[in-house]
Protein backbone atom coordinates (compact mmCIF):
# COMPACT_ATOMS: atom_id res chain seq x y z
CA MET A 1 -9.22 -20.72 -14.23
CA ASP A 2 -10.31 -23.13 -11.49
CA ASP A 3 -13.05 -22.08 -9.11
CA LEU A 4 -11.45 -20.59 -6.00
CA ARG A 5 -14.63 -19.59 -4.18
CA GLY A 6 -14.41 -20.32 -0.49
CA LEU A 7 -10.62 -19.93 -0.36
CA THR A 8 -10.29 -16.85 1.85
CA ALA A 9 -8.34 -15.85 4.91
CA GLU A 10 -11.40 -15.97 7.15
CA ALA A 11 -11.48 -18.19 10.22
CA VAL A 12 -12.22 -21.87 9.51
CA PRO A 13 -13.03 -24.72 11.89
CA THR A 14 -10.21 -27.12 12.75
CA PRO A 15 -10.28 -30.44 14.60
CA SER A 16 -9.77 -30.10 18.33
CA VAL A 17 -7.71 -32.64 20.22
CA GLU A 18 -8.01 -33.30 23.93
CA GLU A 19 -4.94 -34.18 25.97
CA GLY A 20 -4.39 -37.93 25.91
CA ALA A 21 -7.12 -38.64 23.36
CA GLY A 22 -7.28 -38.81 19.58
CA PRO A 23 -4.36 -37.79 17.35
CA ARG A 24 -1.47 -36.25 19.27
CA LEU A 25 2.28 -35.81 19.24
CA GLU A 26 4.70 -37.90 21.24
CA THR A 27 8.09 -36.30 21.69
CA ARG A 28 11.27 -38.04 22.80
CA ARG A 29 14.57 -36.32 23.59
CA LEU A 30 17.43 -38.07 21.79
CA ASP A 31 20.67 -38.77 23.60
CA GLY A 32 24.05 -38.12 22.06
CA PRO A 33 24.89 -36.21 18.88
CA VAL A 34 22.37 -36.57 16.06
CA ASP A 35 23.46 -35.85 12.51
CA LEU A 36 20.47 -35.46 10.20
CA ALA A 37 22.67 -36.07 7.19
CA VAL A 38 23.48 -39.54 8.47
CA LEU A 39 19.85 -40.29 9.32
CA ALA A 40 18.87 -39.19 5.81
CA ARG A 41 21.48 -41.50 4.34
CA ARG A 42 20.19 -44.43 6.39
CA THR A 43 16.73 -44.49 4.81
CA THR A 44 15.54 -45.26 1.31
CA ALA A 45 12.17 -43.55 1.91
CA ASP A 46 11.25 -40.24 0.38
CA LEU A 47 12.18 -37.41 2.73
CA VAL A 48 12.28 -33.68 3.20
CA TRP A 49 15.23 -32.18 5.07
CA PHE A 50 15.17 -28.53 6.16
CA ASP A 51 18.85 -27.90 6.74
CA SER A 52 19.58 -24.64 8.56
CA ALA A 53 22.96 -23.05 9.25
CA LEU A 54 24.62 -19.65 9.21
CA PRO A 55 28.10 -18.55 8.14
CA GLU A 56 30.47 -17.14 10.73
CA GLY A 57 29.83 -13.47 11.33
CA ALA A 58 26.17 -13.58 10.28
CA PRO A 59 24.14 -10.74 11.79
CA PRO A 60 21.95 -11.39 14.85
CA SER A 61 18.88 -10.70 12.70
CA ALA A 62 19.59 -13.94 10.82
CA GLY A 63 19.92 -16.12 13.93
CA LEU A 64 16.28 -17.06 14.39
CA ARG A 65 16.06 -18.18 10.77
CA ALA A 66 18.61 -20.92 11.36
CA ALA A 67 17.74 -22.07 14.87
CA TRP A 68 16.29 -25.46 13.85
CA SER A 69 16.81 -28.22 11.30
CA VAL A 70 14.14 -30.83 10.56
CA LEU A 71 14.30 -34.22 8.88
CA ALA A 72 10.78 -35.34 7.94
CA LEU A 73 10.23 -38.91 6.73
CA THR A 74 7.34 -39.76 4.44
CA ASP A 75 6.96 -43.53 5.02
CA GLY A 76 5.04 -43.46 8.31
CA PRO A 77 1.69 -45.24 8.76
CA PHE A 78 -0.31 -41.97 8.77
CA ALA A 79 1.30 -40.67 5.56
CA ALA A 80 -0.55 -38.81 2.80
CA ARG A 81 0.60 -37.13 -0.40
CA PHE A 82 -0.83 -34.23 -2.39
CA ARG A 83 0.47 -33.61 -5.89
CA HIS A 84 -0.83 -31.09 -8.41
CA GLN A 85 0.33 -31.98 -11.90
CA ASP A 86 -1.11 -31.15 -15.33
CA ARG A 87 -3.76 -29.07 -13.52
CA VAL A 88 -5.11 -32.08 -11.64
CA ALA A 89 -4.84 -32.84 -7.91
CA ARG A 90 -3.81 -36.34 -6.92
CA LEU A 91 -4.24 -37.45 -3.32
CA ASP A 92 -2.73 -40.66 -1.95
CA VAL A 93 -3.91 -41.34 1.59
CA SER A 94 -2.87 -44.19 3.88
CA PRO A 95 -5.68 -46.11 5.61
CA ALA A 96 -4.69 -44.73 9.02
CA ALA A 97 -5.04 -41.14 7.77
CA GLY A 98 -8.31 -41.75 5.91
CA SER A 99 -10.50 -40.49 8.75
CA TRP A 100 -8.90 -37.04 8.35
CA PHE A 101 -8.20 -36.68 4.65
CA GLY A 102 -10.68 -39.08 3.06
CA SER A 103 -9.79 -41.73 0.50
CA SER A 104 -7.18 -41.55 -2.24
CA ARG A 105 -8.60 -39.70 -5.24
CA VAL A 106 -8.08 -37.46 -8.26
CA GLU A 107 -9.71 -34.03 -8.27
CA ASP A 108 -10.02 -31.42 -10.99
CA ARG A 109 -9.53 -28.50 -8.58
CA ALA A 110 -7.11 -25.63 -8.11
CA ALA A 111 -4.04 -26.46 -6.03
CA PHE A 112 -4.55 -23.80 -3.37
CA ALA A 113 -8.21 -24.78 -2.96
CA VAL A 114 -7.23 -28.41 -2.36
CA LEU A 115 -4.45 -27.36 0.02
CA ASP A 116 -6.90 -25.21 1.98
CA ASP A 117 -9.23 -28.18 2.37
CA LEU A 118 -6.41 -30.48 3.50
CA LEU A 119 -5.14 -27.99 6.07
CA GLN A 120 -8.64 -27.65 7.51
CA ARG A 121 -8.81 -31.45 7.87
CA THR A 122 -5.37 -31.75 9.47
CA PRO A 123 -5.53 -32.45 13.23
CA THR A 124 -4.31 -29.52 15.30
CA LEU A 125 -1.16 -30.40 17.26
CA ASP A 126 0.71 -28.20 19.71
CA ALA A 127 4.32 -27.25 18.98
CA PRO A 128 6.41 -29.91 20.74
CA VAL A 129 9.52 -27.99 21.82
CA ASP A 130 9.85 -24.39 22.97
CA GLY A 131 11.08 -22.22 20.13
CA CYS A 132 10.25 -24.67 17.34
CA ALA A 133 6.98 -24.27 15.42
CA PHE A 134 7.16 -27.53 13.50
CA ALA A 135 4.65 -30.06 14.86
CA LEU A 136 4.56 -32.50 11.92
CA GLY A 137 2.19 -31.65 9.08
CA TRP A 138 2.61 -31.02 5.35
CA VAL A 139 6.10 -30.59 3.87
CA GLY A 140 7.38 -30.14 0.33
CA PHE A 141 7.30 -27.54 -2.44
CA LEU A 142 4.97 -25.21 -4.34
CA GLY A 143 6.28 -24.58 -7.85
CA TYR A 144 6.37 -21.20 -9.56
CA GLU A 145 3.69 -22.12 -12.12
CA LEU A 146 1.02 -22.18 -9.40
CA GLY A 147 1.08 -18.42 -9.94
CA ARG A 148 -1.40 -19.09 -12.73
CA GLU A 149 -4.04 -19.42 -9.99
CA VAL A 150 -3.33 -15.82 -8.98
CA ASP A 151 -3.50 -14.20 -12.45
CA GLY A 152 0.02 -15.29 -13.40
CA PRO A 153 1.14 -16.77 -16.74
CA ASP A 154 -0.91 -19.80 -17.76
CA ARG A 155 1.78 -22.49 -17.70
CA THR A 156 2.50 -25.80 -16.00
CA ALA A 157 5.86 -27.25 -15.01
CA ASP A 158 7.68 -29.36 -17.58
CA GLY A 159 7.69 -33.05 -16.70
CA HIS A 160 7.02 -32.86 -12.97
CA ALA A 161 4.39 -31.68 -10.50
CA ASP A 162 3.59 -28.02 -9.84
CA ALA A 163 3.24 -28.92 -6.16
CA ASP A 164 4.20 -31.95 -4.09
CA LEU A 165 3.40 -31.94 -0.38
CA ARG A 166 3.56 -34.87 2.04
CA PHE A 167 1.76 -35.24 5.33
CA VAL A 168 4.47 -36.61 7.63
CA ASP A 169 4.00 -38.35 10.96
CA ARG A 170 7.69 -38.91 11.78
CA ALA A 171 10.43 -36.33 12.11
CA VAL A 172 13.64 -35.48 13.93
CA LEU A 173 14.33 -31.93 15.15
CA VAL A 174 17.82 -30.64 15.84
CA ARG A 175 18.34 -27.28 17.55
CA GLY A 176 21.29 -25.08 16.73
CA ASP A 177 23.08 -26.17 19.91
CA GLY A 178 22.80 -29.84 18.90
CA ALA A 179 19.87 -30.87 21.13
CA ALA A 180 17.57 -33.26 19.27
CA TRP A 181 14.07 -34.71 19.55
CA ALA A 182 12.07 -37.37 17.74
CA LEU A 183 8.46 -36.51 16.90
CA THR A 184 5.78 -39.09 16.14
CA LEU A 185 2.04 -38.96 15.62
CA VAL A 186 -0.11 -41.41 17.54
CA ASP A 187 -3.86 -41.94 17.68
CA ASP A 188 -5.79 -44.15 20.09
CA ASP A 189 -8.14 -45.09 17.24
CA GLU A 190 -5.19 -46.49 15.23
CA PRO A 191 -3.26 -48.72 17.67
CA ASP A 192 -1.19 -50.55 15.04
CA ALA A 193 -0.06 -47.34 13.34
CA SER A 194 0.71 -45.76 16.71
CA ALA A 195 2.75 -48.79 17.77
CA ALA A 196 4.76 -48.61 14.54
CA ASN A 197 5.59 -44.96 15.15
CA ARG A 198 6.60 -45.60 18.75
CA ALA A 199 8.88 -48.42 17.58
CA TRP A 200 10.48 -46.11 15.01
CA SER A 201 11.13 -43.45 17.65
CA ALA A 202 12.57 -45.98 20.08
CA GLY A 203 14.93 -47.28 17.40
CA LEU A 204 16.60 -43.94 16.77
CA CYS A 205 20.08 -43.44 18.11
CA GLY A 206 22.99 -41.10 17.60
CA ALA A 207 25.20 -41.59 14.55
CA ASP A 208 28.55 -43.27 14.95
CA PRO A 209 31.64 -41.04 14.72
CA ASP A 210 32.74 -42.32 11.31
CA ASP A 211 29.38 -41.50 9.78
CA ARG A 212 29.34 -38.02 11.32
CA GLU A 213 32.77 -37.28 9.94
CA LEU A 214 31.61 -38.14 6.43
CA ALA A 215 28.27 -36.37 6.53
CA ALA A 216 28.80 -33.21 8.58
CA PRO A 217 29.60 -29.84 6.98
CA GLU A 218 33.31 -29.11 6.81
CA PRO A 219 35.08 -25.76 7.10
CA HIS A 220 36.32 -24.36 3.82
CA ASP A 221 39.11 -21.82 3.96
CA ASP A 222 39.41 -21.00 0.26
CA LEU A 223 37.07 -18.05 -0.22
CA ALA A 224 37.95 -17.98 -3.90
CA ASP A 225 36.22 -21.34 -4.32
CA ARG A 226 33.22 -20.22 -2.31
CA ALA A 227 32.85 -16.72 -3.61
CA THR A 228 33.81 -16.36 -7.24
CA GLY A 229 34.27 -19.89 -8.45
CA LEU A 230 37.41 -18.56 -10.14
CA PRO A 231 41.03 -19.19 -9.14
CA ASP A 232 42.62 -16.47 -6.99
CA GLY A 233 39.45 -14.36 -7.16
CA GLY A 234 40.25 -13.56 -10.79
CA ARG A 235 38.18 -13.48 -13.97
CA GLU A 236 39.64 -16.47 -15.78
CA PRO A 237 37.48 -19.62 -15.49
CA ASP A 238 38.77 -22.81 -13.94
CA ARG A 239 39.14 -25.12 -16.97
CA SER A 240 38.82 -28.21 -14.80
CA LEU A 241 35.15 -27.47 -14.10
CA LEU A 242 32.34 -29.02 -16.14
CA GLU A 243 30.18 -26.72 -18.24
CA ALA A 244 26.63 -25.99 -17.10
CA CYS A 245 25.19 -24.71 -20.35
CA GLY A 246 22.73 -21.84 -20.33
CA ARG A 247 19.29 -22.14 -21.89
CA VAL A 248 20.22 -18.98 -23.80
CA ASP A 249 23.62 -17.46 -24.42
CA ARG A 250 24.83 -14.43 -22.51
CA ALA A 251 24.20 -12.06 -25.41
CA ALA A 252 20.56 -13.19 -25.65
CA TYR A 253 20.08 -12.64 -21.92
CA GLU A 254 21.53 -9.16 -22.17
CA ARG A 255 19.17 -8.39 -25.07
CA ALA A 256 16.26 -9.60 -22.92
CA VAL A 257 17.40 -7.21 -20.17
CA ASP A 258 17.20 -4.36 -22.67
CA THR A 259 13.71 -5.50 -23.68
CA CYS A 260 12.69 -5.36 -20.01
CA ARG A 261 14.03 -1.83 -19.84
CA ASP A 262 11.95 -0.94 -22.91
CA GLU A 263 8.84 -2.29 -21.17
CA ILE A 264 9.67 -0.25 -18.08
CA ARG A 265 10.19 2.89 -20.17
CA GLU A 266 6.74 2.32 -21.71
CA GLY A 267 5.21 2.16 -18.24
CA ASN A 268 4.31 -1.54 -18.38
CA ALA A 269 6.30 -2.42 -15.23
CA PHE A 270 8.57 -0.89 -12.63
CA GLN A 271 10.75 -3.97 -12.22
CA VAL A 272 10.94 -7.36 -13.96
CA CYS A 273 12.61 -10.42 -12.47
CA LEU A 274 14.21 -12.00 -15.52
CA THR A 275 15.57 -15.52 -15.14
CA THR A 276 17.20 -18.25 -17.15
CA ALA A 277 18.32 -21.80 -16.45
CA PHE A 278 21.50 -23.84 -16.79
CA ALA A 279 21.61 -27.52 -17.73
CA VAL A 280 23.87 -29.11 -15.12
CA PRO A 281 25.93 -32.12 -16.21
CA ASP A 282 25.38 -35.36 -14.34
CA VAL A 283 28.39 -37.17 -12.90
CA PRO A 284 27.08 -40.70 -12.26
CA ASP A 285 30.48 -42.20 -11.46
CA VAL A 286 31.03 -40.04 -8.35
CA PRO A 287 31.31 -42.51 -5.43
CA ASP A 288 28.81 -42.43 -2.61
CA ALA A 289 30.30 -40.85 0.51
CA LEU A 290 28.73 -43.55 2.68
CA ASP A 291 29.44 -46.53 0.46
CA ARG A 292 29.22 -49.15 3.17
CA PRO A 293 26.74 -51.73 4.46
CA GLY A 294 23.54 -50.09 5.65
CA ALA A 295 23.92 -46.92 3.59
CA ALA A 296 20.99 -45.98 1.38
CA GLY A 297 23.26 -44.98 -1.51
CA ASP A 298 21.52 -41.78 -2.69
CA ARG A 299 24.28 -40.15 -4.71
CA HIS A 300 22.22 -36.98 -5.14
CA LEU A 301 22.13 -36.61 -1.37
CA ALA A 302 25.88 -37.22 -1.27
CA GLU A 303 26.20 -34.45 -3.85
CA TYR A 304 24.07 -32.12 -1.71
CA LEU A 305 26.38 -32.75 1.24
CA ARG A 306 29.32 -31.57 -0.85
CA ILE A 307 27.43 -28.43 -1.87
CA ARG A 308 26.52 -27.51 1.71
CA ARG A 309 30.05 -27.87 3.12
CA SER A 310 31.17 -24.44 1.96
CA ASP A 311 27.82 -22.64 1.88
CA PRO A 312 25.95 -22.32 5.21
CA VAL A 313 22.48 -20.85 4.66
CA PRO A 314 19.38 -20.59 6.86
CA PHE A 315 17.04 -22.25 4.34
CA GLY A 316 19.02 -25.14 2.92
CA ALA A 317 16.87 -28.10 1.92
CA TYR A 318 17.11 -31.51 0.34
CA LEU A 319 13.98 -33.22 -1.00
CA ARG A 320 13.84 -36.80 -2.20
CA THR A 321 10.30 -36.97 -3.47
CA GLY A 322 9.12 -39.35 -6.18
CA ASP A 323 11.07 -38.67 -9.38
CA LEU A 324 12.59 -35.43 -8.09
CA ARG A 325 15.75 -34.64 -6.19
CA ILE A 326 15.83 -31.02 -5.04
CA ALA A 327 18.99 -29.54 -3.53
CA SER A 328 18.41 -25.98 -2.34
CA ARG A 329 20.84 -23.53 -0.74
CA SER A 330 18.42 -20.66 -0.34
CA PRO A 331 19.21 -17.73 1.97
CA GLU A 332 15.74 -16.24 1.55
CA ARG A 333 12.52 -16.68 3.50
CA PHE A 334 9.30 -16.24 1.53
CA LEU A 335 6.70 -16.28 4.32
CA ARG A 336 6.54 -17.28 7.95
CA ILE A 337 3.21 -17.57 9.71
CA HIS A 338 3.25 -18.10 13.46
CA ALA A 339 0.66 -20.32 15.09
CA ASP A 340 -0.72 -17.20 16.83
CA GLY A 341 -1.26 -15.43 13.50
CA GLY A 342 1.84 -13.26 13.15
CA VAL A 343 3.08 -13.23 9.54
CA LEU A 344 6.28 -11.92 7.99
CA ALA A 345 8.13 -11.84 4.69
CA GLU A 346 11.87 -11.30 4.27
CA PRO A 347 12.63 -10.51 0.62
CA ILE A 348 16.15 -10.36 -0.75
CA LYS A 349 16.81 -7.99 -3.61
CA GLY A 350 20.33 -6.76 -4.30
CA THR A 351 23.31 -9.11 -4.58
CA ARG A 352 27.09 -8.84 -4.84
CA PRO A 353 29.60 -11.71 -5.14
CA ARG A 354 32.13 -12.17 -2.34
CA HIS A 355 35.79 -11.43 -3.03
CA VAL A 356 38.84 -13.39 -1.90
CA ASP A 357 40.62 -10.22 -0.74
CA PRO A 358 39.08 -9.06 2.59
CA VAL A 359 39.67 -5.41 1.73
CA GLU A 360 38.03 -5.76 -1.67
CA ASP A 361 35.24 -7.80 -0.10
CA ALA A 362 34.51 -4.96 2.33
CA VAL A 363 34.43 -2.51 -0.58
CA VAL A 364 31.95 -4.71 -2.44
CA ARG A 365 29.73 -4.95 0.65
CA ALA A 366 29.81 -1.19 1.16
CA ASP A 367 28.97 -0.64 -2.49
CA LEU A 368 25.85 -2.79 -2.11
CA SER A 369 24.74 -1.02 1.06
CA THR A 370 24.95 2.41 -0.64
CA SER A 371 23.71 1.43 -4.12
CA ALA A 372 20.72 3.56 -5.11
CA LYS A 373 19.74 1.03 -7.78
CA ASP A 374 19.72 -1.93 -5.40
CA ARG A 375 17.87 -0.01 -2.72
CA ALA A 376 15.26 0.98 -5.30
CA GLU A 377 14.85 -2.69 -6.34
CA ASN A 378 14.46 -3.75 -2.73
CA VAL A 379 12.00 -1.00 -1.83
CA MET A 380 9.82 -1.85 -4.85
CA ILE A 381 9.52 -5.45 -3.68
CA VAL A 382 8.90 -4.36 -0.09
CA ASP A 383 5.99 -2.27 -1.35
CA LEU A 384 4.72 -5.22 -3.41
CA LEU A 385 4.84 -7.56 -0.40
CA ARG A 386 3.15 -4.99 1.82
CA ASN A 387 0.28 -5.07 -0.67
CA ASP A 388 0.31 -8.91 -0.80
CA LEU A 389 0.13 -9.22 2.99
CA GLN A 390 -2.54 -6.53 3.31
CA ARG A 391 -4.88 -8.76 1.30
CA THR A 392 -5.21 -11.17 4.22
CA ALA A 393 -3.80 -9.40 7.30
CA ARG A 394 -5.78 -7.36 9.78
CA PRO A 395 -6.23 -3.80 8.53
CA GLY A 396 -3.47 -1.53 9.78
CA SER A 397 -1.26 -4.37 11.04
CA VAL A 398 1.23 -4.56 8.15
CA ARG A 399 4.49 -2.72 8.80
CA VAL A 400 8.09 -2.65 7.56
CA GLU A 401 10.35 -3.77 10.41
CA ARG A 402 13.66 -3.66 8.57
CA LEU A 403 14.61 -2.00 5.30
CA CYS A 404 17.61 -2.76 3.08
CA ASP A 405 19.94 -4.42 5.59
CA VAL A 406 22.98 -6.13 4.06
CA GLU A 407 23.68 -9.71 5.13
CA THR A 408 26.78 -11.71 4.21
CA TYR A 409 26.82 -15.36 3.16
CA ALA A 410 29.55 -17.66 1.92
CA SER A 411 29.36 -16.66 -1.74
CA VAL A 412 27.41 -13.39 -1.79
CA HIS A 413 26.38 -10.24 0.08
CA GLN A 414 22.62 -9.63 -0.09
CA MET A 415 20.18 -6.84 0.78
CA VAL A 416 17.30 -8.00 2.99
CA SER A 417 14.13 -6.37 4.33
CA THR A 418 11.40 -7.57 6.71
CA ILE A 419 7.66 -6.92 6.41
CA ALA A 420 5.33 -8.13 9.19
CA GLY A 421 1.61 -8.25 9.88
CA VAL A 422 -1.08 -9.97 11.95
CA LEU A 423 -3.78 -12.35 10.67
CA ALA A 424 -7.28 -12.82 12.01
CA PRO A 425 -7.66 -15.81 14.37
CA GLY A 426 -7.99 -19.05 12.41
CA ALA A 427 -7.09 -17.41 9.09
CA SER A 428 -6.66 -19.81 6.17
CA ARG A 429 -2.93 -20.41 5.74
CA ALA A 430 -3.45 -21.49 2.14
CA ALA A 431 -5.21 -18.21 1.36
CA VAL A 432 -2.39 -16.15 2.89
CA VAL A 433 0.25 -17.98 0.82
CA ARG A 434 -1.87 -17.80 -2.33
CA ALA A 435 -2.32 -14.04 -1.96
CA ALA A 436 1.48 -13.57 -1.91
CA PHE A 437 2.35 -16.18 -4.55
CA PRO A 438 4.72 -16.37 -6.38
CA PRO A 439 7.32 -14.74 -4.11
CA GLY A 440 7.52 -11.07 -5.01
CA SER A 441 11.31 -11.06 -5.13
CA MET A 442 11.03 -13.47 -8.10
CA THR A 443 8.35 -11.61 -10.05
CA GLY A 444 8.92 -7.88 -10.19
CA ALA A 445 6.26 -5.21 -9.90
CA PRO A 446 3.42 -4.84 -10.58
CA LYS A 447 3.28 -8.60 -10.25
CA ARG A 448 0.79 -9.40 -13.00
CA SER A 449 2.42 -7.36 -15.76
CA ALA A 450 5.98 -8.16 -14.65
CA THR A 451 5.38 -11.92 -14.70
CA ALA A 452 3.75 -11.67 -18.13
CA ILE A 453 6.78 -9.85 -19.52
CA ALA A 454 9.22 -12.31 -17.96
CA ASP A 455 7.23 -15.31 -19.20
CA ARG A 456 7.23 -14.02 -22.76
CA LEU A 457 10.98 -13.41 -22.72
CA GLU A 458 11.95 -16.61 -20.89
CA GLY A 459 9.70 -18.81 -23.05
CA ALA A 460 9.75 -21.74 -20.61
CA PRO A 461 8.34 -22.72 -17.21
CA ARG A 462 10.52 -22.25 -14.12
CA GLY A 463 9.22 -25.32 -12.25
CA VAL A 464 10.36 -25.66 -8.64
CA TYR A 465 12.74 -22.72 -9.10
CA ALA A 466 11.28 -19.37 -7.95
CA GLY A 467 8.51 -21.17 -6.07
CA ALA A 468 8.59 -22.08 -2.38
CA ILE A 469 9.93 -24.92 -0.21
CA GLY A 470 8.87 -25.53 3.38
CA TYR A 471 6.14 -26.71 5.70
CA PHE A 472 2.54 -26.19 6.80
CA SER A 473 2.74 -27.38 10.41
CA ALA A 474 -0.12 -29.07 12.25
CA SER A 475 0.39 -26.33 14.87
CA GLY A 476 -0.88 -23.71 12.39
CA ALA A 477 2.62 -22.38 11.72
CA VAL A 478 3.98 -22.07 8.18
CA ASP A 479 7.56 -21.48 7.06
CA LEU A 480 8.47 -21.27 3.38
CA SER A 481 11.72 -20.33 1.66
CA VAL A 482 12.10 -18.93 -1.84
CA ALA A 483 13.41 -21.72 -4.08
CA ILE A 484 16.58 -20.02 -5.30
CA ARG A 485 20.12 -21.47 -5.55
CA THR A 486 18.19 -24.70 -6.18
CA LEU A 487 19.36 -27.65 -8.27
CA VAL A 488 16.43 -29.71 -9.55
CA THR A 489 17.05 -33.22 -10.86
CA VAL A 490 14.26 -35.10 -12.66
CA LEU A 491 14.70 -38.87 -12.85
CA HIS A 492 13.49 -41.53 -15.25
CA PRO A 493 11.55 -44.45 -13.73
CA ASP A 494 14.76 -46.52 -13.69
CA GLY A 495 16.52 -43.88 -11.56
CA SER A 496 18.69 -42.46 -14.33
CA VAL A 497 18.80 -38.70 -14.77
CA ARG A 498 16.37 -37.18 -17.23
CA ARG A 499 17.20 -33.52 -16.62
CA ARG A 500 19.15 -31.36 -14.16
CA THR A 501 18.67 -27.60 -14.06
CA LEU A 502 19.72 -24.64 -11.97
CA GLY A 503 17.72 -21.44 -12.36
CA ALA A 504 19.17 -17.98 -11.81
CA GLY A 505 18.11 -14.43 -12.52
CA GLY A 506 17.84 -10.91 -11.24
CA ALA A 507 15.67 -7.84 -11.01
CA VAL A 508 15.75 -5.51 -14.01
CA THR A 509 14.94 -1.83 -13.52
CA TRP A 510 15.30 1.15 -15.83
CA SER A 511 18.80 1.80 -14.45
CA SER A 512 19.97 -1.78 -15.02
CA SER A 513 23.07 -2.53 -17.07
CA PRO A 514 22.70 -5.68 -19.23
CA GLU A 515 26.31 -6.65 -18.53
CA ASP A 516 25.91 -6.20 -14.78
CA GLU A 517 22.69 -8.22 -14.77
CA ALA A 518 24.40 -11.09 -16.58
CA ASP A 519 27.31 -10.91 -14.10
CA GLU A 520 24.79 -11.17 -11.25
CA VAL A 521 23.25 -14.28 -12.79
CA GLU A 522 26.67 -15.94 -12.89
CA ALA A 523 27.41 -14.96 -9.28
CA LYS A 524 24.18 -16.59 -8.13
CA THR A 525 25.09 -19.93 -9.70
CA VAL A 526 28.45 -20.32 -7.98
CA SER A 527 27.42 -21.68 -4.57
CA VAL A 528 25.62 -24.66 -6.14
CA LEU A 529 27.59 -25.29 -9.32
CA ARG A 530 30.98 -25.22 -7.61
CA GLY A 531 29.77 -27.96 -5.27
CA VAL A 532 29.07 -30.27 -8.22
CA GLY A 533 32.31 -29.42 -10.03
CA ALA A 534 30.71 -27.17 -12.63
CA ALA A 535 30.55 -23.54 -13.72
CA ALA A 536 28.05 -21.52 -15.74
CA HIS A 537 28.79 -21.51 -19.45
CA TRP A 538 26.79 -19.38 -21.83
């Protein structure tokens, strides 16, 4: 294992920036409606889009999770990139950012150790708009296999990086009420780079009505499509859908559930998060929704727009990064760290599919809220995350703020809890994330033994799936979602599709039914697969 000495949650020095000198944010309020989907379609650069929304009737507790959307562009003059692949860190640093991050290089170091160093070198910038913690910084994903640095299974992702984070110096923020701002980084010591960023900000304008009509989410009245993926809320599959083939067949997954139960009976775990993956067919002849002069022509982004139309979630994301296209419709926050040191986790454990009949749907929701099995699953993960946060939080500060609330989304009802704590001033954000990684809702408990059992049964890396997507802001804030309901497309150098996968799974306890666990896996695939014209087949 790589040397992790020095990576702790203790206070570390950070660059200080005086008003009007050195690196700083410039913020410009944008006039008129701004559609981030259209802006994303108008650039060929790599990008990371945090796409927040909530379904009608979502509880007030979910509101703050979906208050802001962010489009971060990676082609600015101060850009930098950190990838960790095949156990090696690769840093690509633009000349303008070299005074902070050093030169481009390859390092044989652990991912979280490198991330900790980069965050310490990142200039500290104040949050630009009241209520929004994002002040530029590092954006991207941390893949599940980074758990090997925290006593997890010793694997790497298959064919792509275990982590890919970009330092971004250009972004657009959109608040839930439609207000929008452009953010740019400027530095008096880099006049040319600063001028380029100011020119980019000045060139932004609202999207034209035709573009907004094509790119914006649309209402979807057919709950059968959204909820079950089956006609009329029934059990017969829609034969017009393409087949997303499972890595294992249903019978093999059910046998693996029974094996997990055997391990639990023997006292080797309390809960095991068992997952599988589905190979999603590519449909290269689908026309681009903005097939017109000036459009960037990213058909994977066009596909993401179709997925999101019927599935509002607080942690939606689209990443166009190197050879990856990541389309995530996650409802679950992994960790949020406030700039002032407050930290919270919001695990989801316990899921039921929506039903087309409102009466039946209410019955399903009530069943989840009173299910002893699901509450036990959720409480186990709450206890696990309390322990994870206590590793880096101030003693006595960790508390459970909410336990086993049921929240409703377009395709599922889910049981959510909230655990909060307080960090010491200047605590290492990388150390806090490392101590809780991978997300407990995707491991089981105890984490070390549960992940070992799951790894042996799954027999393959999870990659981006079950890791985290989000940002490490230059303000000191961090917000990461759990990478679930996430379609990952790996491209060949010529842009053709090499592989497309959607992971899904569930928590196995002693009281689990193999058939019910397999049904839950299928329910969790619907919101993404239906959007690409496919259904789980195993």
